[in-house]
Amino acid sequence: MREKIKSVAKPQYIVSAIAIGGIAFAATNFSNPLLFQNTENFVLFAQEEIKLEQGVQVSSGDLGANEEIDIQKDAIINGNLFADKITLDKNTVINGNVSFNKLKLHKEAQILGTQTKPVQLPIAVLPDIPDFQIGTQDFKFTGENNTLSAGSYSNITLEKQSRLTLTGGIYNLNKLELRENSTLIFNAATTLNIQFKLRGKDRISILPGLNVKPDDLKINYLGIRPKHEKEDKEDDDEEIESEMDDKEKKEHKDRKIGRPIVFGQNSFLNFKLLAPKASVHIEKETTLRGRILARKIKIGKDGILSKEEAFVKESDPAKIVTDPGGNRLFANEIIVLFSDSVTDAEIEQILGILGARITGIMEQPKIYKFEVNTATITALLSAIEEIKSKPFVIEAVPNFIGNR
């Protein structure tokens, strides 16, 4: 028999707005059945477990795992949770429903929707990766003016501060490696079938081109070395092995599970990633628009996740300051209105110049919220003036929250 657990009445958690002239983002709640035939509603789904580290925010999309979801403190989840076991740490807020068989709830965590026990297992089952054949040609890309058409290749590497544009179609690869500060752009619907290795270093970007959606890039990942291929040592083998316990190391050697996928910190990712036999680790302060469906998933501290194109990260109240006119604002946030013709490369200029991070996007009109490393009004206004000097910027203002 299914038991409904009535939640204690609490005030609705309000997601902070990005606003210019009254334009704002709002939280969205989903109401879903307990057993899913597909994973369309999920921003993250794991065959085994999901772990979110401190301060992770989910702007839209549900979380599901057939075994466990573990959410550490100070997280904000605007979606529903489905798992056999769910753990919620201090100051975590779930702005949605929670379905489980076992729940460990910190006394200072909040579930604002309905709690349902039990939940039928499995929640969902991930599809297998379709068969594909990789090629033999390797490429290492440097500089910014690189293009690669669809086809079968072996190893693709984007060197530091390089840029590669994919023209669309199906790409069959053995490895895809993105070095620090590199950028991968897909200009049309694209599928990457990857045999053995997918690795992104720190501050990488995987971006849609104009009129392309974030999940128009579909990545199918096996993580298993081709049979009879020589086992050359990878430059990150020690790091990757630290992602696995002894049992997983043995299973990987026996070709039962895939090589873990790791994306570094301060990155901006746009894709739908399917890795049913591999774990995925996204390091701290990284933003994902799209979906991840994998064996295990770990999201690092202060990550931002959104299934939808538009998203917003909750602002930090500790950063509120008051200007001489009595206006209250966030000392580290800038709201920017771009021209409709702005390109991802031009927006990346803002990130590079200011060391900024995208923490919110509205597509029409094209409004972005940037988090910058400023702590005073003087430094913030200086950063804003630098942004406003760009021809593709219509307006840039502090993120005001009202008068004192």
Protein backbone atom coordinates (compact mmCIF):
# COMPACT_ATOMS: atom_id res chain seq x y z
CA MET A 1 0.00 0.00 0.00
CA ARG A 2 1.28 3.48 -0.85
CA GLU A 3 1.56 5.84 2.10
CA LYS A 4 1.29 9.61 1.66
CA ILE A 5 3.31 11.61 4.19
CA LYS A 6 1.91 15.06 4.72
CA SER A 7 4.58 17.74 4.84
CA VAL A 8 4.65 20.39 7.54
CA ALA A 9 3.34 23.62 6.07
CA LYS A 10 6.21 25.97 5.25
CA PRO A 11 6.52 29.12 3.16
CA GLN A 12 7.19 28.57 -0.54
CA TYR A 13 10.88 28.97 -1.42
CA ILE A 14 11.30 31.82 -3.85
CA VAL A 15 13.99 31.60 -6.53
CA SER A 16 15.72 34.95 -7.05
CA ALA A 17 14.84 36.83 -10.20
CA ILE A 18 16.97 38.14 -13.01
CA ALA A 19 15.19 41.30 -14.01
CA ILE A 20 15.59 44.21 -16.37
CA GLY A 21 12.41 46.21 -16.73
CA GLY A 22 10.36 43.65 -14.84
CA ILE A 23 11.55 40.53 -16.71
CA ALA A 24 12.05 37.68 -14.23
CA PHE A 25 12.70 33.95 -13.89
CA ALA A 26 10.36 31.76 -11.82
CA ALA A 27 10.73 28.31 -10.30
CA THR A 28 8.89 25.41 -11.93
CA ASN A 29 7.51 22.36 -10.21
CA PHE A 30 6.79 19.08 -11.95
CA SER A 31 4.29 16.39 -11.02
CA ASN A 32 5.30 13.02 -12.39
CA PRO A 33 4.28 9.37 -12.06
CA LEU A 34 6.35 7.13 -9.81
CA LEU A 35 7.54 4.74 -12.53
CA PHE A 36 9.02 6.16 -15.75
CA GLN A 37 9.14 4.55 -19.15
CA ASN A 38 11.69 7.19 -20.27
CA THR A 39 13.91 9.84 -18.72
CA GLU A 40 12.61 12.93 -20.51
CA ASN A 41 11.76 14.81 -17.30
CA PHE A 42 15.16 14.31 -15.67
CA VAL A 43 18.12 16.67 -15.67
CA LEU A 44 20.07 13.86 -13.93
CA PHE A 45 19.29 10.15 -13.87
CA ALA A 46 21.62 7.45 -12.54
CA GLN A 47 21.37 3.69 -12.71
CA GLU A 48 22.96 3.62 -9.24
CA GLU A 49 23.54 6.92 -7.42
CA ILE A 50 23.62 10.71 -7.63
CA LYS A 51 25.73 12.85 -5.31
CA LEU A 52 25.42 16.65 -5.20
CA GLU A 53 28.06 18.51 -3.22
CA GLN A 54 27.56 21.67 -1.15
CA GLY A 55 25.68 24.57 -2.72
CA VAL A 56 24.56 22.85 -5.94
CA GLN A 57 21.49 24.46 -7.50
CA VAL A 58 19.06 22.75 -9.89
CA SER A 59 17.09 25.40 -11.79
CA SER A 60 14.84 22.93 -13.63
CA GLY A 61 14.46 19.18 -14.14
CA ASP A 62 13.97 16.17 -11.87
CA LEU A 63 16.59 13.92 -10.24
CA GLY A 64 16.22 10.13 -10.28
CA ALA A 65 18.34 7.14 -9.24
CA ASN A 66 17.50 3.48 -8.90
CA GLU A 67 19.54 3.29 -5.70
CA GLU A 68 20.49 6.54 -3.91
CA ILE A 69 20.41 10.34 -4.10
CA ASP A 70 22.73 12.14 -1.64
CA ILE A 71 22.41 15.94 -1.52
CA GLN A 72 24.80 17.85 0.70
CA LYS A 73 24.13 21.11 2.54
CA ASP A 74 22.95 24.42 1.12
CA ALA A 75 21.56 22.93 -2.09
CA ILE A 76 18.44 24.25 -3.85
CA ILE A 77 16.52 21.81 -6.04
CA ASN A 78 13.64 23.09 -8.21
CA GLY A 79 12.34 19.68 -9.26
CA ASN A 80 11.22 16.31 -7.96
CA LEU A 81 13.36 13.51 -6.47
CA PHE A 82 12.88 9.77 -7.08
CA ALA A 83 15.14 7.11 -5.51
CA ASP A 84 15.20 4.08 -3.25
CA LYS A 85 17.15 6.06 -0.62
CA ILE A 86 17.38 9.85 -0.33
CA THR A 87 19.65 11.84 2.00
CA LEU A 88 19.19 15.61 2.43
CA ASP A 89 21.72 17.61 4.45
CA LYS A 90 21.49 20.89 6.36
CA ASN A 91 19.79 23.91 4.72
CA THR A 92 18.93 22.00 1.57
CA VAL A 93 15.61 23.02 0.01
CA ILE A 94 13.59 20.76 -2.32
CA ASN A 95 11.06 22.86 -4.21
CA GLY A 96 9.20 19.78 -5.45
CA ASN A 97 7.99 16.32 -4.49
CA VAL A 98 10.12 13.52 -3.03
CA SER A 99 9.42 9.80 -3.62
CA PHE A 100 11.48 7.20 -1.75
CA ASN A 101 11.65 4.02 0.27
CA LYS A 102 14.16 5.42 2.80
CA LEU A 103 14.63 9.08 3.71
CA LYS A 104 17.37 10.65 5.87
CA LEU A 105 16.34 14.27 6.42
CA HIS A 106 18.39 16.84 8.34
CA LYS A 107 16.23 18.82 10.76
CA GLU A 108 17.14 22.03 8.92
CA ALA A 109 16.42 20.69 5.43
CA GLN A 110 13.08 21.46 3.75
CA ILE A 111 10.85 19.51 1.39
CA LEU A 112 8.22 21.92 0.10
CA GLY A 113 6.22 19.38 -1.90
CA THR A 114 4.66 16.01 -1.13
CA GLN A 115 6.58 13.09 0.36
CA THR A 116 5.53 9.70 -1.03
CA LYS A 117 6.53 6.29 0.36
CA PRO A 118 7.09 3.68 -1.02
CA VAL A 119 8.31 4.18 -4.56
CA GLN A 120 8.33 1.36 -7.08
CA LEU A 121 11.73 0.27 -8.36
CA PRO A 122 13.41 0.57 -10.75
CA ILE A 123 12.61 4.22 -11.36
CA ALA A 124 13.75 3.89 -14.98
CA VAL A 125 16.24 1.95 -17.11
CA LEU A 126 18.74 3.61 -19.42
CA PRO A 127 19.02 2.46 -23.03
CA ASP A 128 22.14 0.77 -24.40
CA ILE A 129 24.57 2.64 -26.63
CA PRO A 130 24.00 1.83 -30.32
CA ASP A 131 26.81 0.06 -32.20
CA PHE A 132 29.26 2.28 -34.06
CA GLN A 133 32.67 1.96 -35.74
CA ILE A 134 35.48 4.40 -35.00
CA GLY A 135 38.06 5.55 -37.54
CA THR A 136 41.85 5.69 -37.49
CA GLN A 137 42.67 9.37 -38.07
CA ASP A 138 43.81 11.58 -35.14
CA PHE A 139 43.51 15.36 -34.89
CA LYS A 140 45.03 17.89 -32.47
CA PHE A 141 43.50 21.33 -32.83
CA THR A 142 45.19 24.61 -31.86
CA GLY A 143 44.05 28.18 -32.36
CA GLU A 144 40.50 29.34 -32.98
CA ASN A 145 39.67 28.71 -36.65
CA ASN A 146 39.06 24.95 -36.71
CA THR A 147 36.16 23.04 -38.25
CA LEU A 148 35.46 19.30 -38.36
CA SER A 149 32.76 17.66 -40.46
CA ALA A 150 30.89 14.49 -39.49
CA GLY A 151 32.71 11.17 -39.86
CA SER A 152 34.61 8.40 -38.08
CA TYR A 153 37.87 9.35 -36.38
CA SER A 154 40.16 7.99 -33.66
CA ASN A 155 41.45 10.58 -31.18
CA ILE A 156 40.39 14.24 -31.14
CA THR A 157 42.22 16.70 -28.87
CA LEU A 158 41.52 20.39 -28.37
CA GLU A 159 44.70 22.00 -27.05
CA LYS A 160 44.72 24.81 -24.48
CA GLN A 161 42.76 27.93 -25.51
CA SER A 162 41.72 26.34 -28.80
CA ARG A 163 38.33 26.34 -30.51
CA LEU A 164 36.68 23.67 -32.69
CA THR A 165 33.39 23.95 -34.54
CA LEU A 166 31.40 20.82 -35.43
CA THR A 167 29.20 21.27 -38.50
CA GLY A 168 26.60 18.70 -37.41
CA GLY A 169 25.83 15.03 -38.06
CA ILE A 170 27.28 11.86 -36.54
CA TYR A 171 30.87 11.66 -35.25
CA ASN A 172 32.33 8.30 -34.17
CA LEU A 173 35.41 8.73 -31.95
CA ASN A 174 37.75 6.75 -29.75
CA LYS A 175 38.69 9.73 -27.56
CA LEU A 176 37.65 13.34 -27.12
CA GLU A 177 39.88 15.48 -24.88
CA LEU A 178 39.38 19.18 -24.17
CA ARG A 179 42.36 20.96 -22.58
CA GLU A 180 42.13 24.05 -20.34
CA ASN A 181 40.14 27.02 -21.71
CA SER A 182 39.20 25.20 -24.92
CA THR A 183 35.81 25.56 -26.63
CA LEU A 184 33.74 23.08 -28.64
CA ILE A 185 30.85 24.55 -30.67
CA PHE A 186 28.13 22.56 -32.47
CA ASN A 187 26.40 24.51 -35.26
CA ALA A 188 23.64 21.97 -35.93
CA ALA A 189 22.18 18.81 -34.41
CA THR A 190 25.18 16.61 -33.59
CA THR A 191 25.78 13.11 -32.20
CA LEU A 192 29.13 12.11 -30.69
CA ASN A 193 29.61 8.35 -30.25
CA ILE A 194 32.69 7.91 -28.03
CA GLN A 195 34.34 4.54 -27.51
CA PHE A 196 36.97 4.94 -24.76
CA LYS A 197 37.69 8.40 -23.30
CA LEU A 198 35.85 11.67 -22.72
CA ARG A 199 37.74 14.23 -20.63
CA GLY A 200 37.36 17.96 -20.12
CA LYS A 201 39.88 20.02 -18.16
CA ASP A 202 39.17 23.27 -16.26
CA ARG A 203 37.33 26.24 -17.80
CA ILE A 204 36.15 24.50 -20.94
CA SER A 205 33.03 25.42 -22.90
CA ILE A 206 30.76 23.17 -24.96
CA LEU A 207 28.34 25.55 -26.67
CA PRO A 208 25.45 25.53 -29.16
CA GLY A 209 25.72 27.77 -32.19
CA LEU A 210 23.04 30.22 -33.30
CA ASN A 211 19.50 28.74 -33.44
CA VAL A 212 20.74 25.47 -31.88
CA LYS A 213 19.48 24.14 -28.53
CA PRO A 214 21.75 22.89 -25.73
CA ASP A 215 20.57 19.28 -26.00
CA ASP A 216 20.99 19.23 -29.79
CA LEU A 217 24.39 17.76 -28.93
CA LYS A 218 23.91 14.11 -27.95
CA ILE A 219 26.91 12.25 -26.55
CA ASN A 220 26.78 8.45 -26.37
CA TYR A 221 29.65 7.12 -24.26
CA LEU A 222 30.91 3.57 -23.70
CA GLY A 223 34.20 4.14 -21.88
CA ILE A 224 35.54 0.71 -22.83
CA ARG A 225 38.76 0.31 -24.79
CA PRO A 226 38.35 -1.39 -28.19
CA LYS A 227 39.27 -5.07 -28.14
CA HIS A 228 42.84 -5.87 -29.14
CA GLU A 229 43.92 -2.21 -28.82
CA LYS A 230 47.28 -1.65 -27.12
CA GLU A 231 46.79 -0.34 -23.58
CA ASP A 232 48.79 2.90 -23.70
CA LYS A 233 48.97 4.90 -20.49
CA GLU A 234 46.80 8.02 -20.39
CA ASP A 235 48.09 11.23 -18.82
CA ASP A 236 45.21 11.28 -16.33
CA ASP A 237 45.11 7.59 -15.38
CA GLU A 238 45.90 8.25 -11.71
CA GLU A 239 43.16 10.83 -11.41
CA ILE A 240 40.64 8.59 -13.16
CA GLU A 241 41.55 5.61 -10.97
CA SER A 242 40.86 7.77 -7.90
CA GLU A 243 37.28 8.02 -9.13
CA MET A 244 36.84 4.24 -8.75
CA ASP A 245 36.88 1.88 -5.78
CA ASP A 246 38.65 -1.50 -5.95
CA LYS A 247 35.54 -3.28 -7.20
CA GLU A 248 35.03 -0.73 -9.97
CA LYS A 249 38.70 -0.91 -11.02
CA LYS A 250 38.32 -4.65 -11.48
CA GLU A 251 35.03 -4.28 -13.35
CA HIS A 252 36.61 -1.68 -15.61
CA LYS A 253 39.56 -3.97 -16.34
CA ASP A 254 37.09 -6.77 -17.13
CA ARG A 255 35.24 -4.42 -19.54
CA LYS A 256 32.05 -4.53 -17.45
CA ILE A 257 31.94 -0.79 -16.76
CA GLY A 258 33.34 2.21 -18.57
CA ARG A 259 36.15 4.63 -17.84
CA PRO A 260 34.81 7.53 -15.72
CA ILE A 261 34.10 10.86 -17.40
CA VAL A 262 35.49 13.96 -15.66
CA PHE A 263 34.83 17.61 -16.53
CA GLY A 264 36.92 20.22 -14.70
CA GLN A 265 35.88 23.23 -12.67
CA ASN A 266 34.46 26.55 -13.91
CA SER A 267 33.18 25.05 -17.15
CA PHE A 268 30.02 25.72 -19.18
CA LEU A 269 28.49 22.55 -20.65
CA ASN A 270 25.57 22.10 -23.05
CA PHE A 271 24.61 18.55 -24.07
CA LYS A 272 22.61 15.41 -23.44
CA LEU A 273 25.05 12.77 -22.21
CA LEU A 274 24.21 9.05 -22.11
CA ALA A 275 26.76 6.86 -20.30
CA PRO A 276 24.91 3.80 -18.93
CA LYS A 277 28.11 1.94 -17.98
CA ALA A 278 30.19 4.88 -16.72
CA SER A 279 30.26 7.39 -13.88
CA VAL A 280 30.30 11.12 -14.56
CA HIS A 281 32.03 13.67 -12.30
CA ILE A 282 31.56 17.39 -12.92
CA GLU A 283 33.86 19.49 -10.75
CA LYS A 284 33.01 22.64 -8.80
CA GLU A 285 31.40 25.82 -10.11
CA THR A 286 30.43 24.28 -13.43
CA THR A 287 27.15 25.02 -15.23
CA LEU A 288 25.24 22.39 -17.22
CA ARG A 289 22.29 22.99 -19.53
CA GLY A 290 20.88 19.71 -20.78
CA ARG A 291 20.84 16.24 -19.22
CA ILE A 292 23.14 13.55 -17.87
CA LEU A 293 22.04 9.90 -17.83
CA ALA A 294 24.74 7.63 -16.41
CA ARG A 295 25.66 4.78 -14.07
CA LYS A 296 26.73 7.22 -11.32
CA ILE A 297 26.76 11.04 -11.25
CA LYS A 298 28.66 13.45 -8.99
CA ILE A 299 28.25 17.23 -9.22
CA GLY A 300 30.86 19.41 -7.52
CA LYS A 301 30.40 22.31 -5.13
CA ASP A 302 28.30 25.27 -6.33
CA GLY A 303 27.38 23.62 -9.62
CA ILE A 304 24.34 24.86 -11.57
CA LEU A 305 22.08 22.44 -13.47
CA SER A 306 19.18 23.17 -15.80
CA LYS A 307 17.18 20.98 -18.14
CA GLU A 308 15.77 24.09 -19.79
CA GLU A 309 17.60 26.74 -21.81
CA ALA A 310 16.64 29.50 -19.38
CA PHE A 311 17.98 29.16 -15.85
CA VAL A 312 19.04 31.15 -12.82
CA LYS A 313 21.27 30.57 -9.82
CA GLU A 314 20.04 31.86 -6.46
CA SER A 315 22.05 34.92 -5.48
CA ASP A 316 24.16 34.98 -2.32
CA PRO A 317 22.58 37.29 0.31
CA ALA A 318 25.99 37.71 1.94
CA LYS A 319 27.02 39.74 -1.13
CA ILE A 320 24.34 42.44 -0.70
CA VAL A 321 25.69 45.99 -0.39
CA THR A 322 24.08 49.44 -0.38
CA ASP A 323 25.17 52.20 -2.76
CA PRO A 324 25.29 55.93 -1.80
CA GLY A 325 21.75 56.38 -3.14
CA GLY A 326 20.35 53.77 -0.78
CA ASN A 327 19.93 51.09 -3.47
CA ARG A 328 20.60 47.52 -2.37
CA LEU A 329 22.40 45.31 -4.87
CA PHE A 330 24.65 42.28 -5.16
CA ALA A 331 28.30 43.33 -5.20
CA ASN A 332 29.32 40.42 -7.43
CA GLU A 333 26.55 40.26 -10.04
CA ILE A 334 25.94 42.01 -13.35
CA ILE A 335 22.83 41.79 -15.55
CA VAL A 336 23.64 42.14 -19.27
CA LEU A 337 21.23 42.63 -22.17
CA PHE A 338 22.87 41.49 -25.43
CA SER A 339 21.90 42.19 -29.01
CA ASP A 340 20.00 39.37 -30.73
CA SER A 341 22.92 38.83 -33.11
CA VAL A 342 25.51 38.24 -30.37
CA THR A 343 27.55 35.07 -30.79
CA ASP A 344 28.79 32.64 -28.16
CA ALA A 345 32.34 33.70 -28.98
CA GLU A 346 31.48 37.32 -28.15
CA ILE A 347 29.82 36.33 -24.88
CA GLU A 348 32.95 34.32 -24.05
CA GLN A 349 34.92 37.57 -24.31
CA ILE A 350 33.06 38.79 -21.22
CA LEU A 351 33.97 35.61 -19.36
CA GLY A 352 37.63 35.91 -20.30
CA ILE A 353 38.04 39.63 -19.63
CA LEU A 354 36.41 39.63 -16.21
CA GLY A 355 36.96 36.06 -15.08
CA ALA A 356 33.16 35.91 -14.92
CA ARG A 357 30.78 32.99 -14.65
CA ILE A 358 27.35 32.66 -16.27
CA THR A 359 24.77 32.16 -13.52
CA GLY A 360 21.57 32.89 -15.43
CA ILE A 361 20.23 33.01 -18.98
CA MET A 362 17.03 34.22 -20.58
CA GLU A 363 16.94 33.58 -24.34
CA GLN A 364 14.37 36.17 -25.53
CA PRO A 365 15.37 38.90 -24.99
CA LYS A 366 18.94 37.72 -24.56
CA ILE A 367 19.63 38.53 -20.90
CA TYR A 368 22.52 36.98 -18.97
CA LYS A 369 23.43 37.15 -15.30
CA PHE A 370 27.18 37.11 -14.65
CA GLU A 371 28.92 36.44 -11.36
CA VAL A 372 32.18 38.39 -11.12
CA ASN A 373 35.01 38.54 -8.58
CA THR A 374 34.11 41.94 -7.14
CA ALA A 375 33.29 42.82 -3.54
CA THR A 376 32.81 46.60 -3.69
CA ILE A 377 30.53 48.93 -5.63
CA THR A 378 33.53 50.71 -7.15
CA ALA A 379 34.97 47.46 -8.55
CA LEU A 380 31.54 46.36 -9.76
CA LEU A 381 30.89 49.62 -11.63
CA SER A 382 34.32 49.41 -13.23
CA ALA A 383 33.51 45.90 -14.53
CA ILE A 384 30.16 47.12 -15.83
CA GLU A 385 31.79 49.96 -17.79
CA GLU A 386 34.17 47.49 -19.40
CA ILE A 387 31.24 45.31 -20.46
CA LYS A 388 29.26 48.26 -21.82
CA SER A 389 32.13 49.16 -24.14
CA LYS A 390 31.41 46.08 -26.25
CA PRO A 391 29.31 46.78 -29.40
CA PHE A 392 27.16 43.67 -28.88
CA VAL A 393 26.06 44.82 -25.39
CA ILE A 394 22.85 46.88 -25.26
CA GLU A 395 22.84 47.44 -21.50
CA ALA A 396 24.65 46.28 -18.37
CA VAL A 397 23.52 47.06 -14.82
CA PRO A 398 24.05 45.81 -11.27
CA ASN A 399 21.58 43.23 -9.96
CA PHE A 400 19.44 45.57 -7.88
CA ILE A 401 17.05 44.24 -5.24
CA GLY A 402 15.36 47.44 -4.07
CA ASN A 403 15.89 50.35 -1.72
CA ARG A 404 17.07 50.21 1.85
